[in-house]
PDB file of N, CA and C in Angstrom:
ATOM      1  N   GLU A   1       4.164  17.637  -0.748  1.00  0.00           N
ATOM      2  CA  GLU A   1       5.637  17.524  -0.337  1.00  0.00           C
ATOM      3  C   GLU A   1       5.720  16.212   0.479  1.00  0.00           C
ATOM      4  N   GLY A   2       4.917  15.233   0.279  1.00  0.00           N
ATOM      5  CA  GLY A   2       5.152  14.002   0.991  1.00  0.00           C
ATOM      6  C   GLY A   2       4.528  13.761   2.244  1.00  0.00           C
ATOM      7  N   ALA A   3       3.688  14.798   2.690  1.00  0.00           N
ATOM      8  CA  ALA A   3       2.900  14.803   3.966  1.00  0.00           C
ATOM      9  C   ALA A   3       1.619  13.822   3.691  1.00  0.00           C
ATOM     10  N   PRO A   4       1.290  13.093   4.798  1.00  0.00           N
ATOM     11  CA  PRO A   4       0.126  12.208   4.693  1.00  0.00           C
ATOM     12  C   PRO A   4      -1.087  13.002   4.509  1.00  0.00           C
ATOM     13  N   VAL A   5      -2.021  12.538   3.721  1.00  0.00           N
ATOM     14  CA  VAL A   5      -3.324  13.302   3.453  1.00  0.00           C
ATOM     15  C   VAL A   5      -4.343  12.264   3.417  1.00  0.00           C
ATOM     16  N   GLY A   6      -5.538  12.715   3.617  1.00  0.00           N
ATOM     17  CA  GLY A   6      -6.720  11.898   3.548  1.00  0.00           C
ATOM     18  C   GLY A   6      -6.884  10.959   4.953  1.00  0.00           C
ATOM     19  N   LYS A   7      -7.909  10.141   4.760  1.00  0.00           N
ATOM     20  CA  LYS A   7      -8.198   9.370   6.100  1.00  0.00           C
ATOM     21  C   LYS A   7      -7.221   8.105   6.211  1.00  0.00           C
ATOM     22  N   GLN A   8      -7.048   7.797   7.450  1.00  0.00           N
ATOM     23  CA  GLN A   8      -6.340   6.489   7.692  1.00  0.00           C
ATOM     24  C   GLN A   8      -6.981   5.336   7.271  1.00  0.00           C
ATOM     25  N   LEU A   9      -6.154   4.264   6.936  1.00  0.00           N
ATOM     26  CA  LEU A   9      -6.645   3.124   6.388  1.00  0.00           C
ATOM     27  C   LEU A   9      -5.893   1.971   7.068  1.00  0.00           C
ATOM     28  N   ILE A  10      -6.598   0.757   7.454  1.00  0.00           N
ATOM     29  CA  ILE A  10      -5.897  -0.341   7.817  1.00  0.00           C
ATOM     30  C   ILE A  10      -5.712  -1.343   6.745  1.00  0.00           C
ATOM     31  N   CYS A  11      -4.589  -1.780   6.726  1.00  0.00           N
ATOM     32  CA  CYS A  11      -4.120  -2.799   5.618  1.00  0.00           C
ATOM     33  C   CYS A  11      -3.406  -4.118   6.145  1.00  0.00           C
ATOM     34  N   THR A  12      -3.519  -5.161   5.436  1.00  0.00           N
ATOM     35  CA  THR A  12      -2.658  -6.267   5.732  1.00  0.00           C
ATOM     36  C   THR A  12      -1.387  -5.932   4.917  1.00  0.00           C
ATOM     37  N   ASP A  13      -0.299  -6.538   5.230  1.00  0.00           N
ATOM     38  CA  ASP A  13       0.951  -6.260   4.618  1.00  0.00           C
ATOM     39  C   ASP A  13       1.612  -7.413   4.186  1.00  0.00           C
ATOM     40  N   CYS A  14       1.987  -7.595   2.933  1.00  0.00           N
ATOM     41  CA  CYS A  14       2.762  -8.790   2.495  1.00  0.00           C
ATOM     42  C   CYS A  14       4.143  -8.407   2.092  1.00  0.00           C
ATOM     43  N   VAL A  15       4.577  -7.179   2.275  1.00  0.00           N
ATOM     44  CA  VAL A  15       5.961  -6.794   2.001  1.00  0.00           C
ATOM     45  C   VAL A  15       6.790  -6.314   3.187  1.00  0.00           C
ATOM     46  N   GLY A  16       6.325  -6.200   4.289  1.00  0.00           N
ATOM     47  CA  GLY A  16       7.023  -5.745   5.434  1.00  0.00           C
ATOM     48  C   GLY A  16       7.274  -4.297   5.531  1.00  0.00           C
ATOM     49  N   ALA A  17       6.394  -3.478   5.372  1.00  0.00           N
ATOM     50  CA  ALA A  17       6.654  -2.019   5.337  1.00  0.00           C
ATOM     51  C   ALA A  17       6.742  -1.561   6.634  1.00  0.00           C
ATOM     52  N   GLY A  18       7.530  -0.588   6.984  1.00  0.00           N
ATOM     53  CA  GLY A  18       7.661   0.009   8.226  1.00  0.00           C
ATOM     54  C   GLY A  18       6.862   1.228   8.398  1.00  0.00           C
ATOM     55  N   ALA A  19       6.791   1.774   9.642  1.00  0.00           N
ATOM     56  CA  ALA A  19       6.008   3.007   9.851  1.00  0.00           C
ATOM     57  C   ALA A  19       6.730   4.189   9.022  1.00  0.00           C
ATOM     58  N   GLY A  20       6.047   4.908   8.468  1.00  0.00           N
ATOM     59  CA  GLY A  20       6.374   6.227   7.732  1.00  0.00           C
ATOM     60  C   GLY A  20       6.978   6.005   6.367  1.00  0.00           C
ATOM     61  N   GLU A  21       6.916   4.742   5.903  1.00  0.00           N
ATOM     62  CA  GLU A  21       7.303   4.259   4.444  1.00  0.00           C
ATOM     63  C   GLU A  21       6.137   4.756   3.643  1.00  0.00           C
ATOM     64  N   LEU A  22       6.502   5.156   2.408  1.00  0.00           N
ATOM     65  CA  LEU A  22       5.665   5.372   1.309  1.00  0.00           C
ATOM     66  C   LEU A  22       5.172   4.118   0.705  1.00  0.00           C
ATOM     67  N   ILE A  23       3.887   3.728   0.512  1.00  0.00           N
ATOM     68  CA  ILE A  23       3.711   2.452   0.028  1.00  0.00           C
ATOM     69  C   ILE A  23       2.780   2.472  -1.131  1.00  0.00           C
ATOM     70  N   TYR A  24       2.570   1.305  -1.719  1.00  0.00           N
ATOM     71  CA  TYR A  24       1.458   1.109  -2.729  1.00  0.00           C
ATOM     72  C   TYR A  24       0.636   0.204  -2.335  1.00  0.00           C
ATOM     73  N   TRP A  25      -0.757   0.331  -2.462  1.00  0.00           N
ATOM     74  CA  TRP A  25      -1.712  -0.710  -1.890  1.00  0.00           C
ATOM     75  C   TRP A  25      -2.765  -0.916  -2.847  1.00  0.00           C
ATOM     76  N   CYS A  26      -3.545  -2.046  -2.646  1.00  0.00           N
ATOM     77  CA  CYS A  26      -4.561  -2.510  -3.576  1.00  0.00           C
ATOM     78  C   CYS A  26      -5.731  -2.827  -2.613  1.00  0.00           C
ATOM     79  N   ARG A  27      -7.085  -2.724  -3.150  1.00  0.00           N
ATOM     80  CA  ARG A  27      -8.143  -2.960  -2.457  1.00  0.00           C
ATOM     81  C   ARG A  27      -9.128  -3.984  -3.128  1.00  0.00           C
ATOM     82  N   GLY A  28      -9.995  -4.426  -2.481  1.00  0.00           N
ATOM     83  CA  GLY A  28     -10.986  -5.341  -2.980  1.00  0.00           C
ATOM     84  C   GLY A  28     -10.449  -6.824  -3.110  1.00  0.00           C
ATOM     85  N   LYS A  29     -11.017  -7.629  -3.869  1.00  0.00           N
ATOM     86  CA  LYS A  29     -10.826  -9.149  -3.942  1.00  0.00           C
ATOM     87  C   LYS A  29      -9.268  -9.334  -4.277  1.00  0.00           C
ATOM     88  N   GLU A  30      -8.582  -8.439  -5.096  1.00  0.00           N
ATOM     89  CA  GLU A  30      -7.197  -8.575  -5.352  1.00  0.00           C
ATOM     90  C   GLU A  30      -6.316  -8.520  -4.316  1.00  0.00           C
ATOM     91  N   SER A  31      -6.822  -7.837  -3.138  1.00  0.00           N
ATOM     92  CA  SER A  31      -5.988  -7.586  -1.955  1.00  0.00           C
ATOM     93  C   SER A  31      -5.634  -8.784  -1.244  1.00  0.00           C
ATOM     94  N   SER A  32      -6.433  -9.950  -1.634  1.00  0.00           N
ATOM     95  CA  SER A  32      -6.111 -11.142  -0.848  1.00  0.00           C
ATOM     96  C   SER A  32      -5.173 -12.110  -1.685  1.00  0.00           C
ATOM     97  N   PHE A  33      -4.935 -11.707  -3.010  1.00  0.00           N
ATOM     98  CA  PHE A  33      -4.037 -12.501  -3.836  1.00  0.00           C
ATOM     99  C   PHE A  33      -2.573 -12.826  -3.345  1.00  0.00           C
ATOM    100  N   PRO A  34      -1.843 -11.873  -2.807  1.00  0.00           N
ATOM    101  CA  PRO A  34      -0.480 -12.055  -2.339  1.00  0.00           C
ATOM    102  C   PRO A  34      -0.489 -13.256  -1.321  1.00  0.00           C
ATOM    103  N   PHE A  35      -1.371 -13.560  -0.648  1.00  0.00           N
ATOM    104  CA  PHE A  35      -1.482 -14.622   0.314  1.00  0.00           C
ATOM    105  C   PHE A  35      -1.927 -16.023  -0.080  1.00  0.00           C
ATOM    106  N   LEU A  36      -2.340 -16.114  -1.479  1.00  0.00           N
ATOM    107  CA  LEU A  36      -2.735 -17.543  -1.933  1.00  0.00           C
ATOM    108  C   LEU A  36      -1.648 -18.482  -1.734  1.00  0.00           C
ATOM    109  N   PRO A  37      -1.960 -19.657  -1.509  1.00  0.00           N
ATOM    110  CA  PRO A  37      -3.237 -20.355  -1.580  1.00  0.00           C
ATOM    111  C   PRO A  37      -4.093 -20.156  -0.389  1.00  0.00           C
ATOM    112  N   VAL A  38      -3.542 -19.438   0.736  1.00  0.00           N
ATOM    113  CA  VAL A  38      -4.342 -19.115   1.832  1.00  0.00           C
ATOM    114  C   VAL A  38      -5.306 -18.010   1.490  1.00  0.00           C
ATOM    115  N   GLU A  39      -6.608 -18.311   2.054  1.00  0.00           N
ATOM    116  CA  GLU A  39      -7.660 -17.376   1.818  1.00  0.00           C
ATOM    117  C   GLU A  39      -7.747 -16.380   3.055  1.00  0.00           C
ATOM    118  N   VAL A  40      -7.175 -15.144   2.771  1.00  0.00           N
ATOM    119  CA  VAL A  40      -7.122 -14.152   3.809  1.00  0.00           C
ATOM    120  C   VAL A  40      -8.365 -13.285   3.632  1.00  0.00           C
ATOM    121  N   PRO A  41      -8.985 -12.867   4.768  1.00  0.00           N
ATOM    122  CA  PRO A  41     -10.184 -11.983   4.741  1.00  0.00           C
ATOM    123  C   PRO A  41      -9.534 -10.543   4.639  1.00  0.00           C
ATOM    124  N   ALA A  42      -9.035  -9.981   3.584  1.00  0.00           N
ATOM    125  CA  ALA A  42      -8.403  -8.776   3.472  1.00  0.00           C
ATOM    126  C   ALA A  42      -9.197  -7.869   2.575  1.00  0.00           C
ATOM    127  N   ASP A  43      -9.491  -6.623   2.928  1.00  0.00           N
ATOM    128  CA  ASP A  43     -10.113  -5.690   2.055  1.00  0.00           C
ATOM    129  C   ASP A  43      -8.987  -4.768   1.453  1.00  0.00           C
ATOM    130  N   ASN A  44      -7.837  -4.469   2.107  1.00  0.00           N
ATOM    131  CA  ASN A  44      -6.772  -3.705   1.593  1.00  0.00           C
ATOM    132  C   ASN A  44      -5.449  -4.247   2.011  1.00  0.00           C
ATOM    133  N   THR A  45      -4.555  -4.353   1.073  1.00  0.00           N
ATOM    134  CA  THR A  45      -3.213  -4.915   1.202  1.00  0.00           C
ATOM    135  C   THR A  45      -2.140  -3.984   0.753  1.00  0.00           C
ATOM    136  N   ILE A  46      -1.054  -3.856   1.567  1.00  0.00           N
ATOM    137  CA  ILE A  46       0.180  -3.193   1.064  1.00  0.00           C
ATOM    138  C   ILE A  46       0.903  -4.126   0.215  1.00  0.00           C
ATOM    139  N   VAL A  47       1.171  -3.749  -1.068  1.00  0.00           N
ATOM    140  CA  VAL A  47       1.837  -4.728  -2.052  1.00  0.00           C
ATOM    141  C   VAL A  47       3.109  -4.151  -2.549  1.00  0.00           C
ATOM    142  N   GLY A  48       3.483  -3.049  -2.087  1.00  0.00           N
ATOM    143  CA  GLY A  48       4.783  -2.478  -2.510  1.00  0.00           C
ATOM    144  C   GLY A  48       5.223  -1.392  -1.655  1.00  0.00           C
ATOM    145  N   ILE A  49       6.635  -1.240  -1.701  1.00  0.00           N
ATOM    146  CA  ILE A  49       7.181  -0.066  -1.027  1.00  0.00           C
ATOM    147  C   ILE A  49       7.838   0.846  -2.033  1.00  0.00           C
ATOM    148  N   VAL A  50       7.479   2.189  -2.053  1.00  0.00           N
ATOM    149  CA  VAL A  50       8.068   2.955  -2.975  1.00  0.00           C
ATOM    150  C   VAL A  50       9.548   3.499  -2.689  1.00  0.00           C
ATOM    151  N   ASP A  51      10.447   3.154  -3.565  1.00  0.00           N
ATOM    152  CA  ASP A  51      11.816   3.535  -3.338  1.00  0.00           C
ATOM    153  C   ASP A  51      12.113   5.060  -3.681  1.00  0.00           C
ATOM    154  N   GLU A  52      11.557   5.336  -4.815  1.00  0.00           N
ATOM    155  CA  GLU A  52      11.796   6.783  -5.290  1.00  0.00           C
ATOM    156  C   GLU A  52      10.521   7.381  -5.897  1.00  0.00           C
ATOM    157  N   LEU A  53      10.366   8.600  -5.868  1.00  0.00           N
ATOM    158  CA  LEU A  53       9.230   9.333  -6.366  1.00  0.00           C
ATOM    159  C   LEU A  53       9.758  10.579  -7.045  1.00  0.00           C
ATOM    160  N   HIS A  54       9.345  10.638  -8.379  1.00  0.00           N
ATOM    161  CA  HIS A  54       9.821  11.890  -9.133  1.00  0.00           C
ATOM    162  C   HIS A  54       8.488  12.637  -9.523  1.00  0.00           C
ATOM    163  N   VAL A  55       8.504  13.796  -9.178  1.00  0.00           N
ATOM    164  CA  VAL A  55       7.316  14.687  -9.344  1.00  0.00           C
ATOM    165  C   VAL A  55       7.644  15.805 -10.334  1.00  0.00           C
ATOM    166  N   LYS A  56       6.988  15.889 -11.468  1.00  0.00           N
ATOM    167  CA  LYS A  56       7.249  17.018 -12.311  1.00  0.00           C
ATOM    168  C   LYS A  56       6.165  18.137 -11.987  1.00  0.00           C
ATOM    169  N   ARG A  57       6.676  19.213 -11.697  1.00  0.00           N
ATOM    170  CA  ARG A  57       5.954  20.297 -11.374  1.00  0.00           C
ATOM    171  C   ARG A  57       5.607  21.188 -12.590  1.00  0.00           C
ATOM    172  N   SER A  58       4.346  21.539 -12.706  1.00  0.00           N
ATOM    173  CA  SER A  58       3.880  22.381 -13.774  1.00  0.00           C
ATOM    174  C   SER A  58       4.319  23.911 -13.268  1.00  0.00           C
ATOM    175  N   LYS A  59       4.479  24.665 -14.376  1.00  0.00           N
ATOM    176  CA  LYS A  59       4.749  26.207 -14.121  1.00  0.00           C
ATOM    177  C   LYS A  59       3.618  26.994 -14.133  1.00  0.00           C
TER     178      LYS A  59
END
């Protein structure tokens, strides 16, 4: 139902997400790409804010 699940994670943010927003994130080497040409030591980066989420429920 949109409630947070799992462990908390610390991410760098290249999109300006706010507290409580549903986000899309990446990890690994690719998490530093949004900041190129600067080399940022990032393991996890927020790369998108989810505007809408459509869930099809099975019967």
